[in-house]
C-alpha atoms as a PDB file:
ATOM      1  CA  UNK A   1     146.110 103.988 140.203  1.00  0.00           C
ATOM      2  CA  UNK A   2     147.276 107.208 138.570  1.00  0.00           C
ATOM      3  CA  UNK A   3     150.318 107.520 136.306  1.00  0.00           C
ATOM      4  CA  UNK A   4     150.522 111.286 136.706  1.00  0.00           C
ATOM      5  CA  UNK A   5     153.808 112.716 138.101  1.00  0.00           C
ATOM      6  CA  UNK A   6     154.140 114.223 141.568  1.00  0.00           C
ATOM      7  CA  UNK A   7     154.050 117.788 140.295  1.00  0.00           C
ATOM      8  CA  UNK A   8     150.546 117.323 138.774  1.00  0.00           C
ATOM      9  CA  UNK A   9     148.288 120.343 139.144  1.00  0.00           C
ATOM     10  CA  UNK A  10     144.721 120.043 140.595  1.00  0.00           C
ATOM     11  CA  UNK A  11     143.325 120.780 137.136  1.00  0.00           C
ATOM     12  CA  UNK A  12     145.191 117.860 135.605  1.00  0.00           C
ATOM     13  CA  UNK A  13     144.024 115.544 138.399  1.00  0.00           C
ATOM     14  CA  UNK A  14     140.449 116.660 137.844  1.00  0.00           C
ATOM     15  CA  UNK A  15     140.698 115.967 134.128  1.00  0.00           C
ATOM     16  CA  UNK A  16     142.173 112.535 134.825  1.00  0.00           C
ATOM     17  CA  UNK A  17     139.290 111.678 137.176  1.00  0.00           C
ATOM     18  CA  UNK A  18     136.713 112.828 134.622  1.00  0.00           C
ATOM     19  CA  UNK A  19     138.165 110.917 131.693  1.00  0.00           C
ATOM     20  CA  UNK A  20     138.717 107.775 133.780  1.00  0.00           C
ATOM     21  CA  UNK A  21     134.953 107.194 133.878  1.00  0.00           C
ATOM     22  CA  UNK A  22     134.684 107.206 130.086  1.00  0.00           C
ATOM     23  CA  UNK A  23     136.146 103.712 129.923  1.00  0.00           C
ATOM     24  CA  UNK A  24     133.339 102.483 132.198  1.00  0.00           C
ATOM     25  CA  UNK A  25     130.623 103.538 129.738  1.00  0.00           C
ATOM     26  CA  UNK A  26     129.493 100.548 127.626  1.00  0.00           C
ATOM     27  CA  UNK A  27     129.977 101.613 124.009  1.00  0.00           C
ATOM     28  CA  UNK A  28     129.544  99.376 120.970  1.00  0.00           C
ATOM     29  CA  UNK A  29     130.363 101.382 117.814  1.00  0.00           C
ATOM     30  CA  UNK A  30     129.557  98.443 115.530  1.00  0.00           C
ATOM     31  CA  UNK A  31     126.022  98.255 116.931  1.00  0.00           C
ATOM     32  CA  UNK A  32     125.397 101.977 116.651  1.00  0.00           C
ATOM     33  CA  UNK A  33     126.293 102.012 112.951  1.00  0.00           C
ATOM     34  CA  UNK A  34     123.950  99.138 112.037  1.00  0.00           C
ATOM     35  CA  UNK A  35     120.261 100.001 111.390  1.00  0.00           C
ATOM     36  CA  UNK A  36     118.964  96.810 113.015  1.00  0.00           C
ATOM     37  CA  UNK A  37     121.013  96.987 116.232  1.00  0.00           C
ATOM     38  CA  UNK A  38     121.216 100.762 116.689  1.00  0.00           C
ATOM     39  CA  UNK A  39     119.366 101.971 119.836  1.00  0.00           C
ATOM     40  CA  UNK A  40     116.049 103.632 119.039  1.00  0.00           C
ATOM     41  CA  UNK A  41     117.083 106.992 120.503  1.00  0.00           C
ATOM     42  CA  UNK A  42     120.132 107.082 118.206  1.00  0.00           C
ATOM     43  CA  UNK A  43     118.254 106.383 114.960  1.00  0.00           C
ATOM     44  CA  UNK A  44     117.871 110.093 113.992  1.00  0.00           C
ATOM     45  CA  UNK A  45     121.645 110.589 114.229  1.00  0.00           C
ATOM     46  CA  UNK A  46     122.330 107.453 112.185  1.00  0.00           C
ATOM     47  CA  UNK A  47     119.863 108.711 109.562  1.00  0.00           C
ATOM     48  CA  UNK A  48     121.698 112.046 109.436  1.00  0.00           C
ATOM     49  CA  UNK A  49     125.060 110.282 109.095  1.00  0.00           C
ATOM     50  CA  UNK A  50     123.785 108.183 106.165  1.00  0.00           C
ATOM     51  CA  UNK A  51     122.118 111.183 104.428  1.00  0.00           C
ATOM     52  CA  UNK A  52     118.524 109.992 104.641  1.00  0.00           C
ATOM     53  CA  UNK A  53     116.539 112.375 102.403  1.00  0.00           C
ATOM     54  CA  UNK A  54     113.217 112.295 104.272  1.00  0.00           C
ATOM     55  CA  UNK A  55     112.662 111.681 107.984  1.00  0.00           C
ATOM     56  CA  UNK A  56     109.537 111.734 110.117  1.00  0.00           C
ATOM     57  CA  UNK A  57     109.594 111.249 113.873  1.00  0.00           C
ATOM     58  CA  UNK A  58     106.004 109.979 113.697  1.00  0.00           C
ATOM     59  CA  UNK A  59     107.112 106.871 111.794  1.00  0.00           C
ATOM     60  CA  UNK A  60     107.104 103.539 113.574  1.00  0.00           C
ATOM     61  CA  UNK A  61     110.490 102.332 114.764  1.00  0.00           C
ATOM     62  CA  UNK A  62     110.693  99.547 112.159  1.00  0.00           C
ATOM     63  CA  UNK A  63     109.882 102.034 109.382  1.00  0.00           C
ATOM     64  CA  UNK A  64     112.746 104.255 110.529  1.00  0.00           C
ATOM     65  CA  UNK A  65     115.124 101.293 110.443  1.00  0.00           C
ATOM     66  CA  UNK A  66     113.931 100.312 106.958  1.00  0.00           C
ATOM     67  CA  UNK A  67     114.482 103.852 105.647  1.00  0.00           C
ATOM     68  CA  UNK A  68     118.022 103.967 107.059  1.00  0.00           C
ATOM     69  CA  UNK A  69     118.797 100.516 105.682  1.00  0.00           C
ATOM     70  CA  UNK A  70     117.668 101.520 102.180  1.00  0.00           C
ATOM     71  CA  UNK A  71     119.476 104.878 102.187  1.00  0.00           C
ATOM     72  CA  UNK A  72     122.806 103.664 100.773  1.00  0.00           C
ATOM     73  CA  UNK A  73     121.153 101.727  97.946  1.00  0.00           C
ATOM     74  CA  UNK A  74     118.893 104.690  97.135  1.00  0.00           C
ATOM     75  CA  UNK A  75     121.901 107.036  96.857  1.00  0.00           C
ATOM     76  CA  UNK A  76     123.704 104.575  94.603  1.00  0.00           C
ATOM     77  CA  UNK A  77     120.828 104.679  92.085  1.00  0.00           C
ATOM     78  CA  UNK A  78     119.569 108.180  92.745  1.00  0.00           C
ATOM     79  CA  UNK A  79     117.994 109.762  89.695  1.00  0.00           C
ATOM     80  CA  UNK A  80     116.345 106.543  88.529  1.00  0.00           C
ATOM     81  CA  UNK A  81     112.815 105.227  88.970  1.00  0.00           C
ATOM     82  CA  UNK A  82     114.260 102.278  90.847  1.00  0.00           C
ATOM     83  CA  UNK A  83     115.534 104.639  93.528  1.00  0.00           C
ATOM     84  CA  UNK A  84     112.092 106.289  93.763  1.00  0.00           C
ATOM     85  CA  UNK A  85     110.377 102.929  94.242  1.00  0.00           C
ATOM     86  CA  UNK A  86     112.904 101.713  96.807  1.00  0.00           C
ATOM     87  CA  UNK A  87     112.789 104.912  98.834  1.00  0.00           C
ATOM     88  CA  UNK A  88     108.992 104.888  99.037  1.00  0.00           C
ATOM     89  CA  UNK A  89     108.804 101.148  99.680  1.00  0.00           C
ATOM     90  CA  UNK A  90     111.033 101.617 102.737  1.00  0.00           C
ATOM     91  CA  UNK A  91     108.414 103.973 104.217  1.00  0.00           C
ATOM     92  CA  UNK A  92     105.663 101.403 103.696  1.00  0.00           C
ATOM     93  CA  UNK A  93     104.076 103.103 100.657  1.00  0.00           C
ATOM     94  CA  UNK A  94     102.759 100.906  97.838  1.00  0.00           C
ATOM     95  CA  UNK A  95     103.526 102.829  94.643  1.00  0.00           C
ATOM     96  CA  UNK A  96     103.237 102.087  90.938  1.00  0.00           C
ATOM     97  CA  UNK A  97     105.380 104.140  88.544  1.00  0.00           C
ATOM     98  CA  UNK A  98     104.543 104.402  84.835  1.00  0.00           C
ATOM     99  CA  UNK A  99     106.868 106.189  82.389  1.00  0.00           C
ATOM    100  CA  UNK A 100     105.657 108.483  79.604  1.00  0.00           C
ATOM    101  CA  UNK A 101     106.333 106.061  76.749  1.00  0.00           C
ATOM    102  CA  UNK A 102     104.099 103.453  78.421  1.00  0.00           C
ATOM    103  CA  UNK A 103     100.970 105.634  78.239  1.00  0.00           C
ATOM    104  CA  UNK A 104     101.856 107.987  75.324  1.00  0.00           C
ATOM    105  CA  UNK A 105     102.395 110.980  77.606  1.00  0.00           C
ATOM    106  CA  UNK A 106     104.658 113.997  77.354  1.00  0.00           C
ATOM    107  CA  UNK A 107     108.357 113.103  77.003  1.00  0.00           C
ATOM    108  CA  UNK A 108     110.329 112.795  80.230  1.00  0.00           C
ATOM    109  CA  UNK A 109     107.298 112.554  82.487  1.00  0.00           C
ATOM    110  CA  UNK A 110     105.960 109.743  84.626  1.00  0.00           C
ATOM    111  CA  UNK A 111     102.977 108.893  86.798  1.00  0.00           C
ATOM    112  CA  UNK A 112     103.291 107.912  90.440  1.00  0.00           C
ATOM    113  CA  UNK A 113     100.199 106.100  91.731  1.00  0.00           C
ATOM    114  CA  UNK A 114     100.016 105.479  95.476  1.00  0.00           C
ATOM    115  CA  UNK A 115      97.689 102.609  96.371  1.00  0.00           C
ATOM    116  CA  UNK A 116      96.080 102.626  99.810  1.00  0.00           C
ATOM    117  CA  UNK A 117      93.866  99.886 101.244  1.00  0.00           C
ATOM    118  CA  UNK A 118      93.552 100.334 105.013  1.00  0.00           C
ATOM    119  CA  UNK A 119      93.538 104.103 105.566  1.00  0.00           C
ATOM    120  CA  UNK A 120      93.949 107.485 103.924  1.00  0.00           C
ATOM    121  CA  UNK A 121      96.815 109.981 104.003  1.00  0.00           C
ATOM    122  CA  UNK A 122      97.242 113.010 106.175  1.00  0.00           C
ATOM    123  CA  UNK A 123      98.394 116.233 104.554  1.00  0.00           C
ATOM    124  CA  UNK A 124     101.816 115.811 106.176  1.00  0.00           C
ATOM    125  CA  UNK A 125     102.212 112.285 104.781  1.00  0.00           C
ATOM    126  CA  UNK A 126     101.166 113.477 101.331  1.00  0.00           C
ATOM    127  CA  UNK A 127     103.824 116.225 101.428  1.00  0.00           C
ATOM    128  CA  UNK A 128     106.461 113.723 102.611  1.00  0.00           C
ATOM    129  CA  UNK A 129     105.776 111.446  99.627  1.00  0.00           C
ATOM    130  CA  UNK A 130     105.876 114.395  97.235  1.00  0.00           C
ATOM    131  CA  UNK A 131     109.208 115.638  98.604  1.00  0.00           C
ATOM    132  CA  UNK A 132     110.732 112.166  98.633  1.00  0.00           C
ATOM    133  CA  UNK A 133     109.924 111.647  94.948  1.00  0.00           C
ATOM    134  CA  UNK A 134     111.413 115.028  94.050  1.00  0.00           C
ATOM    135  CA  UNK A 135     114.631 114.263  95.929  1.00  0.00           C
ATOM    136  CA  UNK A 136     115.194 110.824  94.385  1.00  0.00           C
ATOM    137  CA  UNK A 137     114.051 111.304  90.754  1.00  0.00           C
ATOM    138  CA  UNK A 138     116.191 112.842  88.033  1.00  0.00           C
ATOM    139  CA  UNK A 139     116.018 116.622  87.647  1.00  0.00           C
ATOM    140  CA  UNK A 140     114.618 116.720  84.096  1.00  0.00           C
ATOM    141  CA  UNK A 141     111.557 114.562  84.730  1.00  0.00           C
ATOM    142  CA  UNK A 142     108.173 115.832  85.893  1.00  0.00           C
ATOM    143  CA  UNK A 143     105.524 113.641  87.478  1.00  0.00           C
ATOM    144  CA  UNK A 144     101.874 113.410  88.432  1.00  0.00           C
ATOM    145  CA  UNK A 145     101.152 112.064  91.921  1.00  0.00           C
ATOM    146  CA  UNK A 146      97.815 110.270  92.299  1.00  0.00           C
ATOM    147  CA  UNK A 147      96.434 108.671  95.450  1.00  0.00           C
ATOM    148  CA  UNK A 148      93.997 105.763  95.133  1.00  0.00           C
ATOM    149  CA  UNK A 149      91.856 104.574  98.029  1.00  0.00           C
ATOM    150  CA  UNK A 150      90.904 100.986  97.281  1.00  0.00           C
ATOM    151  CA  UNK A 151      88.593  98.823  99.326  1.00  0.00           C
ATOM    152  CA  UNK A 152      89.268  95.224  98.338  1.00  0.00           C
ATOM    153  CA  UNK A 153      86.688  92.560  99.017  1.00  0.00           C
ATOM    154  CA  UNK A 154      87.296  90.817 102.312  1.00  0.00           C
ATOM    155  CA  UNK A 155      85.892  87.554 103.595  1.00  0.00           C
ATOM    156  CA  UNK A 156      82.520  88.370 105.218  1.00  0.00           C
ATOM    157  CA  UNK A 157      81.710  87.212 108.709  1.00  0.00           C
ATOM    158  CA  UNK A 158      78.652  84.966 108.659  1.00  0.00           C
ATOM    159  CA  UNK A 159      77.065  83.500 111.776  1.00  0.00           C
ATOM    160  CA  UNK A 160      74.052  81.217 112.148  1.00  0.00           C
ATOM    161  CA  UNK A 161      72.515  80.295 115.478  1.00  0.00           C
ATOM    162  CA  UNK A 162      69.612  78.109 116.593  1.00  0.00           C
ATOM    163  CA  UNK A 163      68.047  78.204 120.040  1.00  0.00           C
ATOM    164  CA  UNK A 164      65.334  75.908 121.385  1.00  0.00           C
ATOM    165  CA  UNK A 165      64.167  75.170 124.899  1.00  0.00           C
ATOM    166  CA  UNK A 166      61.268  73.659 126.840  1.00  0.00           C
ATOM    167  CA  UNK A 167      60.531  73.757 130.538  1.00  0.00           C
ATOM    168  CA  UNK A 168      57.648  71.969 132.310  1.00  0.00           C
ATOM    169  CA  UNK A 169      56.895  72.280 136.034  1.00  0.00           C
ATOM    170  CA  UNK A 170      54.013  70.272 137.604  1.00  0.00           C
ATOM    171  CA  UNK A 171      52.956  71.496 141.062  1.00  0.00           C
ATOM    172  CA  UNK A 172      51.080  69.911 142.839  1.00  0.00           C
ATOM    173  CA  UNK A 173      51.329  66.374 141.578  1.00  0.00           C
ATOM    174  CA  UNK A 174      47.550  66.052 141.314  1.00  0.00           C
ATOM    175  CA  UNK A 175      46.099  68.651 138.979  1.00  0.00           C
ATOM    176  CA  UNK A 176      43.173  68.884 136.584  1.00  0.00           C
ATOM    177  CA  UNK A 177      44.863  70.889 133.836  1.00  0.00           C
ATOM    178  CA  UNK A 178      48.434  71.442 132.649  1.00  0.00           C
ATOM    179  CA  UNK A 179      49.444  73.911 129.944  1.00  0.00           C
ATOM    180  CA  UNK A 180      52.731  73.716 128.083  1.00  0.00           C
ATOM    181  CA  UNK A 181      54.053  76.155 125.508  1.00  0.00           C
ATOM    182  CA  UNK A 182      56.894  75.446 123.098  1.00  0.00           C
ATOM    183  CA  UNK A 183      58.540  78.331 121.254  1.00  0.00           C
ATOM    184  CA  UNK A 184      61.012  77.736 118.439  1.00  0.00           C
ATOM    185  CA  UNK A 185      62.951  80.618 116.848  1.00  0.00           C
ATOM    186  CA  UNK A 186      65.270  80.279 113.876  1.00  0.00           C
ATOM    187  CA  UNK A 187      67.019  83.243 112.294  1.00  0.00           C
ATOM    188  CA  UNK A 188      70.070  83.985 110.203  1.00  0.00           C
ATOM    189  CA  UNK A 189      71.476  87.350 109.194  1.00  0.00           C
ATOM    190  CA  UNK A 190      74.288  89.133 107.426  1.00  0.00           C
ATOM    191  CA  UNK A 191      75.457  92.673 107.959  1.00  0.00           C
ATOM    192  CA  UNK A 192      78.397  94.595 106.524  1.00  0.00           C
ATOM    193  CA  UNK A 193      79.407  98.189 107.061  1.00  0.00           C
ATOM    194  CA  UNK A 194      82.485 100.165 105.984  1.00  0.00           C
ATOM    195  CA  UNK A 195      83.533 103.583 107.258  1.00  0.00           C
ATOM    196  CA  UNK A 196      86.072 105.652 105.325  1.00  0.00           C
ATOM    197  CA  UNK A 197      88.031 108.692 106.441  1.00  0.00           C
ATOM    198  CA  UNK A 198      89.727 110.475 103.547  1.00  0.00           C
ATOM    199  CA  UNK A 199      92.941 112.459 104.021  1.00  0.00           C
ATOM    200  CA  UNK A 200      93.925 114.789 102.445  1.00  0.00           C
ATOM    201  CA  UNK A 201      90.963 116.548 100.855  1.00  0.00           C
ATOM    202  CA  UNK A 202      92.584 116.146  97.427  1.00  0.00           C
ATOM    203  CA  UNK A 203      91.430 112.676  96.381  1.00  0.00           C
ATOM    204  CA  UNK A 204      91.173 111.419  92.829  1.00  0.00           C
ATOM    205  CA  UNK A 205      89.351 108.130  93.278  1.00  0.00           C
ATOM    206  CA  UNK A 206      87.342 106.408  95.984  1.00  0.00           C
ATOM    207  CA  UNK A 207      86.080 102.840  95.793  1.00  0.00           C
ATOM    208  CA  UNK A 208      83.657 101.762  98.479  1.00  0.00           C
ATOM    209  CA  UNK A 209      80.610  99.618  99.138  1.00  0.00           C
ATOM    210  CA  UNK A 210      77.259 100.159 100.819  1.00  0.00           C
ATOM    211  CA  UNK A 211      75.898  98.658 103.981  1.00  0.00           C
ATOM    212  CA  UNK A 212      73.771  95.572 103.395  1.00  0.00           C
ATOM    213  CA  UNK A 213      71.578  93.854 105.970  1.00  0.00           C
ATOM    214  CA  UNK A 214      69.742  90.588 105.241  1.00  0.00           C
ATOM    215  CA  UNK A 215      67.749  88.760 107.896  1.00  0.00           C
ATOM    216  CA  UNK A 216      65.519  85.715 107.529  1.00  0.00           C
ATOM    217  CA  UNK A 217      63.661  84.075 110.382  1.00  0.00           C
ATOM    218  CA  UNK A 218      61.142  81.442 111.422  1.00  0.00           C
ATOM    219  CA  UNK A 219      59.217  81.221 114.657  1.00  0.00           C
ATOM    220  CA  UNK A 220      56.807  78.519 115.841  1.00  0.00           C
ATOM    221  CA  UNK A 221      54.702  78.335 118.997  1.00  0.00           C
ATOM    222  CA  UNK A 222      53.124  75.101 120.114  1.00  0.00           C
ATOM    223  CA  UNK A 223      50.597  74.986 122.976  1.00  0.00           C
ATOM    224  CA  UNK A 224      49.749  71.669 124.672  1.00  0.00           C
ATOM    225  CA  UNK A 225      46.930  71.170 127.164  1.00  0.00           C
ATOM    226  CA  UNK A 226      46.950  67.964 129.236  1.00  0.00           C
ATOM    227  CA  UNK A 227      44.014  66.779 131.341  1.00  0.00           C
ATOM    228  CA  UNK A 228      44.499  64.031 133.916  1.00  0.00           C
ATOM    229  CA  UNK A 229      42.273  60.975 133.895  1.00  0.00           C
ATOM    230  CA  UNK A 230      38.875  61.451 135.472  1.00  0.00           C
ATOM    231  CA  UNK A 231      38.933  65.269 135.078  1.00  0.00           C
END
């Protein structure tokens, strides 16, 4: 039902028909403005609205939500090392920050050590970390960014197996000689191998291990010859 008067022009009727459909569109403003409930395709606009300093479309969806969620707290403490740590932690980066007076360095400097365990960094990811630190630290401070690739000892996979079998077939029932062979094999082994891909080419430290293979085994063969009575 239209509330327009009788002297309504066709243009006004067309505008009324167009705007009438707006009320049929499901819109939930409270959901759009919350990082956890915002639709995935709207996350870039929410990040822009909350002044996220660094954004990468290649991030996983949960990483994007974490960065948006931490944005307000980062801006509240911007210019402090706490803001640097929180901003990088939201992107999934494990970082250790050491100030100049903790290692007798130059005044108003600090070290930012990024610790990696599962994979290296691409050049783009390295630049993103560098820019994010510059945008959240205070202006006077300078820093050294170091990337560590650490391979921590994992629980090795060890397997031991034993196989033994014997099969005897007597055809025909009356025979002069029967041969039987029994073979027993026992072996155990351990093998470990690690492959590393290093990104970017600028790497300060690499901790790795070598491939080790250890195999021990035992094999026995027993031959039995049986003669029937009277042979």
